[in-house]
Amino acid sequence: MSNNKMKTMTLNLTDVEMDALESLSKSKELSKTALLRQALRLYQLIEIRLAHGEKLYFENNRKKEKAELLLI
């Protein structure tokens, strides 16, 4: 991000969303901004891979189960 110009935005969250953000921020030891940036990059990567026909799964090795995650 060294060459990228930073921009500011206002983000309105519900209490539940803010609680989730604060909880994840603490558990990952990241600032809220860093966590949101990481989440945005992850979502972008998922969208790119889905656009190329790939699928996203959660796998439980103990139960030998797979569940496909469908995004709308």
Protein backbone atom coordinates (compact mmCIF):
# COMPACT_ATOMS: atom_id res chain seq x y z
CA MET A 1 0.00 0.00 0.00
CA SER A 2 3.02 2.30 -0.04
CA ASN A 3 2.05 3.86 -3.39
CA ASN A 4 -1.71 3.91 -2.79
CA LYS A 5 -3.38 7.12 -1.72
CA MET A 6 -5.42 6.53 1.42
CA LYS A 7 -9.08 7.55 1.48
CA THR A 8 -11.42 7.87 4.43
CA MET A 9 -14.96 6.57 4.70
CA THR A 10 -17.62 6.42 7.37
CA LEU A 11 -18.99 2.99 8.21
CA ASN A 12 -22.27 2.60 10.09
CA LEU A 13 -22.66 -0.73 11.90
CA THR A 14 -25.39 -2.19 14.07
CA ASP A 15 -24.52 -3.08 17.67
CA VAL A 16 -24.29 -6.76 16.69
CA GLU A 17 -21.95 -6.01 13.79
CA MET A 18 -19.75 -3.76 15.94
CA ASP A 19 -19.61 -6.43 18.66
CA ALA A 20 -18.49 -8.97 16.04
CA LEU A 21 -15.86 -6.57 14.71
CA GLU A 22 -14.52 -5.82 18.18
CA SER A 23 -14.47 -9.50 19.15
CA LEU A 24 -12.63 -10.56 16.00
CA SER A 25 -10.26 -7.62 16.33
CA LYS A 26 -9.31 -8.69 19.86
CA SER A 27 -8.97 -12.38 19.07
CA LYS A 28 -6.81 -11.71 15.98
CA GLU A 29 -4.88 -8.93 17.73
CA LEU A 30 -5.57 -6.57 14.83
CA SER A 31 -6.99 -3.09 14.71
CA LYS A 32 -10.53 -2.84 13.42
CA THR A 33 -9.21 -1.15 10.29
CA ALA A 34 -6.64 -3.90 9.67
CA LEU A 35 -9.30 -6.56 10.22
CA LEU A 36 -11.68 -4.92 7.73
CA ARG A 37 -8.88 -4.60 5.17
CA GLN A 38 -8.03 -8.28 5.61
CA ALA A 39 -11.70 -9.25 5.30
CA LEU A 40 -12.03 -7.18 2.11
CA ARG A 41 -8.98 -8.85 0.53
CA LEU A 42 -10.30 -12.29 1.48
CA TYR A 43 -13.75 -11.55 0.04
CA GLN A 44 -12.17 -10.24 -3.16
CA LEU A 45 -10.06 -13.42 -3.50
CA ILE A 46 -13.14 -15.60 -2.96
CA GLU A 47 -15.10 -13.65 -5.58
CA ILE A 48 -12.28 -14.00 -8.12
CA ARG A 49 -11.98 -17.75 -7.59
CA LEU A 50 -15.75 -18.27 -7.75
CA ALA A 51 -15.84 -16.26 -10.98
CA HIS A 52 -13.33 -18.75 -12.42
CA GLY A 53 -15.67 -21.65 -11.63
CA GLU A 54 -14.07 -22.80 -8.38
CA LYS A 55 -16.09 -23.84 -5.33
CA LEU A 56 -15.64 -23.10 -1.64
CA TYR A 57 -16.01 -25.90 0.93
CA PHE A 58 -15.79 -26.43 4.66
CA GLU A 59 -14.49 -29.88 5.53
CA ASN A 60 -14.80 -31.78 8.80
CA ASN A 61 -12.06 -34.41 8.78
CA ARG A 62 -13.36 -36.19 11.89
CA LYS A 63 -16.83 -36.70 10.44
CA LYS A 64 -15.60 -37.01 6.84
CA GLU A 65 -18.13 -34.37 5.80
CA LYS A 66 -17.90 -31.54 3.27
CA ALA A 67 -20.28 -28.61 2.97
CA GLU A 68 -20.23 -26.23 0.04
CA LEU A 69 -20.45 -22.55 0.90
CA LEU A 70 -22.75 -20.71 -1.51
CA LEU A 71 -22.44 -16.94 -1.69
CA ILE A 72 -25.12 -14.67 -3.09
